[in-house]
N, C-alpha and C. Protein backbone atom coordinates (compact mmCIF):
# COMPACT_ATOMS: atom_id res chain seq x y z
N MET A 1 0.83 -1.20 0.00
CA MET A 1 0.00 0.00 0.00
C MET A 1 0.87 1.26 0.00
N LEU A 2 1.99 1.19 0.71
CA LEU A 2 2.88 2.35 0.78
C LEU A 2 3.45 2.68 -0.59
N ILE A 3 3.76 1.67 -1.37
CA ILE A 3 4.33 1.92 -2.69
C ILE A 3 3.32 2.63 -3.61
N LYS A 4 2.05 2.32 -3.45
CA LYS A 4 1.01 2.98 -4.25
C LYS A 4 0.90 4.46 -3.89
N VAL A 5 1.02 4.76 -2.62
CA VAL A 5 0.97 6.15 -2.16
C VAL A 5 2.18 6.91 -2.71
N ILE A 6 3.34 6.29 -2.69
CA ILE A 6 4.55 6.93 -3.21
C ILE A 6 4.41 7.21 -4.71
N ILE A 7 3.85 6.26 -5.44
CA ILE A 7 3.67 6.43 -6.89
C ILE A 7 2.70 7.58 -7.17
N VAL A 8 1.60 7.64 -6.44
CA VAL A 8 0.62 8.71 -6.65
C VAL A 8 1.22 10.07 -6.28
N LEU A 9 1.97 10.13 -5.20
CA LEU A 9 2.62 11.39 -4.82
C LEU A 9 3.63 11.83 -5.88
N ALA A 10 4.37 10.87 -6.43
CA ALA A 10 5.33 11.21 -7.48
C ALA A 10 4.61 11.75 -8.72
N LEU A 11 3.47 11.17 -9.05
CA LEU A 11 2.70 11.66 -10.19
C LEU A 11 2.19 13.08 -9.94
N PHE A 12 1.77 13.37 -8.71
CA PHE A 12 1.32 14.73 -8.38
C PHE A 12 2.47 15.73 -8.48
N VAL A 13 3.67 15.33 -8.05
CA VAL A 13 4.83 16.21 -8.15
C VAL A 13 5.18 16.46 -9.62
N ILE A 14 5.08 15.43 -10.46
CA ILE A 14 5.36 15.58 -11.88
C ILE A 14 4.37 16.54 -12.52
N VAL A 15 3.10 16.38 -12.21
CA VAL A 15 2.07 17.28 -12.77
C VAL A 15 2.27 18.70 -12.23
N GLY A 16 2.63 18.83 -10.97
CA GLY A 16 2.90 20.15 -10.40
C GLY A 16 4.07 20.84 -11.09
N SER A 17 5.09 20.08 -11.42
CA SER A 17 6.23 20.65 -12.14
C SER A 17 5.82 21.07 -13.54
N LEU A 18 4.95 20.31 -14.16
CA LEU A 18 4.46 20.67 -15.49
C LEU A 18 3.67 21.99 -15.45
N PHE A 19 2.82 22.14 -14.45
CA PHE A 19 2.05 23.38 -14.33
C PHE A 19 2.92 24.57 -13.94
N SER A 20 3.96 24.32 -13.15
CA SER A 20 4.86 25.44 -12.84
C SER A 20 5.60 25.89 -14.10
N ALA A 21 5.95 24.94 -14.98
CA ALA A 21 6.58 25.32 -16.24
C ALA A 21 5.62 26.14 -17.10
N LEU A 22 4.36 25.74 -17.10
CA LEU A 22 3.35 26.51 -17.85
C LEU A 22 3.21 27.92 -17.28
N PHE A 23 3.22 28.04 -15.97
CA PHE A 23 3.12 29.35 -15.32
C PHE A 23 4.33 30.21 -15.68
N PHE A 24 5.54 29.63 -15.61
CA PHE A 24 6.74 30.39 -15.94
C PHE A 24 6.75 30.79 -17.41
N LEU A 25 6.23 29.92 -18.27
CA LEU A 25 6.17 30.23 -19.69
C LEU A 25 5.25 31.43 -19.95
N ALA A 26 4.15 31.49 -19.22
CA ALA A 26 3.20 32.57 -19.42
C ALA A 26 3.66 33.88 -18.78
N LYS A 27 4.37 33.82 -17.66
CA LYS A 27 4.69 35.03 -16.91
C LYS A 27 6.06 35.61 -17.21
N ASP A 28 7.04 34.77 -17.54
CA ASP A 28 8.41 35.27 -17.77
C ASP A 28 8.54 35.81 -19.18
N LYS A 29 8.71 37.10 -19.28
CA LYS A 29 8.90 37.73 -20.58
C LYS A 29 10.35 38.15 -20.79
N SER A 30 11.18 37.98 -19.78
CA SER A 30 12.56 38.46 -19.87
C SER A 30 13.53 37.42 -20.41
N GLY A 31 13.03 36.28 -20.85
CA GLY A 31 13.91 35.25 -21.38
C GLY A 31 14.56 34.41 -20.29
N SER A 32 13.91 34.29 -19.16
CA SER A 32 14.43 33.49 -18.05
C SER A 32 14.39 32.01 -18.42
N ASP A 33 15.24 31.24 -17.77
CA ASP A 33 15.31 29.81 -18.06
C ASP A 33 14.57 28.96 -17.01
N ARG A 34 13.66 29.58 -16.28
CA ARG A 34 12.90 28.82 -15.27
C ARG A 34 11.99 27.79 -15.90
N THR A 35 11.46 28.07 -17.09
CA THR A 35 10.60 27.11 -17.78
C THR A 35 11.40 25.87 -18.14
N VAL A 36 12.60 26.06 -18.66
CA VAL A 36 13.45 24.93 -19.05
C VAL A 36 13.83 24.11 -17.83
N LYS A 37 14.13 24.76 -16.73
CA LYS A 37 14.49 24.04 -15.50
C LYS A 37 13.31 23.22 -14.98
N ALA A 38 12.11 23.80 -15.01
CA ALA A 38 10.93 23.08 -14.53
C ALA A 38 10.63 21.87 -15.41
N LEU A 39 10.78 22.03 -16.72
CA LEU A 39 10.55 20.90 -17.62
C LEU A 39 11.64 19.84 -17.48
N THR A 40 12.87 20.26 -17.22
CA THR A 40 13.96 19.31 -16.99
C THR A 40 13.70 18.49 -15.73
N ILE A 41 13.22 19.14 -14.70
CA ILE A 41 12.88 18.43 -13.46
C ILE A 41 11.76 17.43 -13.72
N ARG A 42 10.76 17.85 -14.50
CA ARG A 42 9.65 16.95 -14.80
C ARG A 42 10.11 15.73 -15.58
N ILE A 43 10.97 15.94 -16.55
CA ILE A 43 11.47 14.81 -17.34
C ILE A 43 12.31 13.89 -16.46
N GLY A 44 13.15 14.45 -15.62
CA GLY A 44 13.96 13.63 -14.72
C GLY A 44 13.11 12.81 -13.76
N LEU A 45 12.08 13.43 -13.21
CA LEU A 45 11.18 12.71 -12.30
C LEU A 45 10.40 11.61 -13.03
N SER A 46 9.98 11.90 -14.25
CA SER A 46 9.23 10.91 -15.03
C SER A 46 10.10 9.70 -15.37
N ILE A 47 11.33 9.95 -15.79
CA ILE A 47 12.23 8.85 -16.12
C ILE A 47 12.56 8.03 -14.87
N THR A 48 12.80 8.72 -13.75
CA THR A 48 13.09 8.02 -12.50
C THR A 48 11.91 7.15 -12.06
N LEU A 49 10.70 7.70 -12.15
CA LEU A 49 9.52 6.92 -11.77
C LEU A 49 9.35 5.72 -12.69
N PHE A 50 9.56 5.90 -13.98
CA PHE A 50 9.44 4.81 -14.94
C PHE A 50 10.44 3.69 -14.63
N ILE A 51 11.68 4.06 -14.36
CA ILE A 51 12.70 3.06 -14.04
C ILE A 51 12.36 2.35 -12.74
N LEU A 52 11.90 3.08 -11.74
CA LEU A 52 11.53 2.45 -10.47
C LEU A 52 10.33 1.52 -10.63
N LEU A 53 9.38 1.87 -11.49
CA LEU A 53 8.25 0.97 -11.74
C LEU A 53 8.71 -0.31 -12.43
N ILE A 54 9.62 -0.19 -13.38
CA ILE A 54 10.14 -1.38 -14.05
C ILE A 54 10.90 -2.26 -13.06
N LEU A 55 11.75 -1.66 -12.24
CA LEU A 55 12.50 -2.43 -11.24
C LEU A 55 11.57 -3.06 -10.21
N GLY A 56 10.54 -2.33 -9.79
CA GLY A 56 9.58 -2.88 -8.83
C GLY A 56 8.83 -4.07 -9.39
N TYR A 57 8.49 -4.02 -10.65
CA TYR A 57 7.82 -5.16 -11.28
C TYR A 57 8.78 -6.33 -11.44
N TYR A 58 10.03 -6.04 -11.82
CA TYR A 58 11.03 -7.09 -12.03
C TYR A 58 11.33 -7.84 -10.73
N PHE A 59 11.45 -7.12 -9.62
CA PHE A 59 11.78 -7.73 -8.35
C PHE A 59 10.56 -8.21 -7.58
N GLY A 60 9.37 -8.05 -8.15
CA GLY A 60 8.18 -8.59 -7.52
C GLY A 60 7.51 -7.70 -6.49
N ILE A 61 7.98 -6.48 -6.35
CA ILE A 61 7.35 -5.55 -5.41
C ILE A 61 6.01 -5.10 -5.97
N LEU A 62 5.98 -4.89 -7.27
CA LEU A 62 4.75 -4.51 -7.95
C LEU A 62 4.31 -5.68 -8.83
N GLY A 63 3.05 -5.82 -9.01
CA GLY A 63 2.57 -6.88 -9.86
C GLY A 63 1.06 -7.01 -9.72
N GLN A 64 0.55 -8.10 -10.20
CA GLN A 64 -0.87 -8.34 -10.12
C GLN A 64 -1.24 -8.67 -8.68
N SER A 65 -2.31 -8.04 -8.22
CA SER A 65 -2.80 -8.34 -6.88
C SER A 65 -3.81 -9.49 -6.95
N HIS A 66 -3.76 -10.35 -5.99
CA HIS A 66 -4.65 -11.49 -5.94
C HIS A 66 -5.68 -11.26 -4.84
N MET A 67 -6.81 -10.71 -5.21
CA MET A 67 -7.84 -10.40 -4.21
C MET A 67 -8.87 -11.49 -4.18
């Protein structure tokens, strides 16, 4: 159950980073690189989550639940 909470929280952080990039894109008119940094963080978090999901499935932490 804890792993599911961690995955959902990671997804919320990824979406939050995406919206912060959108905000910076709309508000920064001076050519600031905050949009690029926010998108870089989002991509890094997405790749990390994807790799952790693959590893969790490979090692049996994640998988089909038998209810």
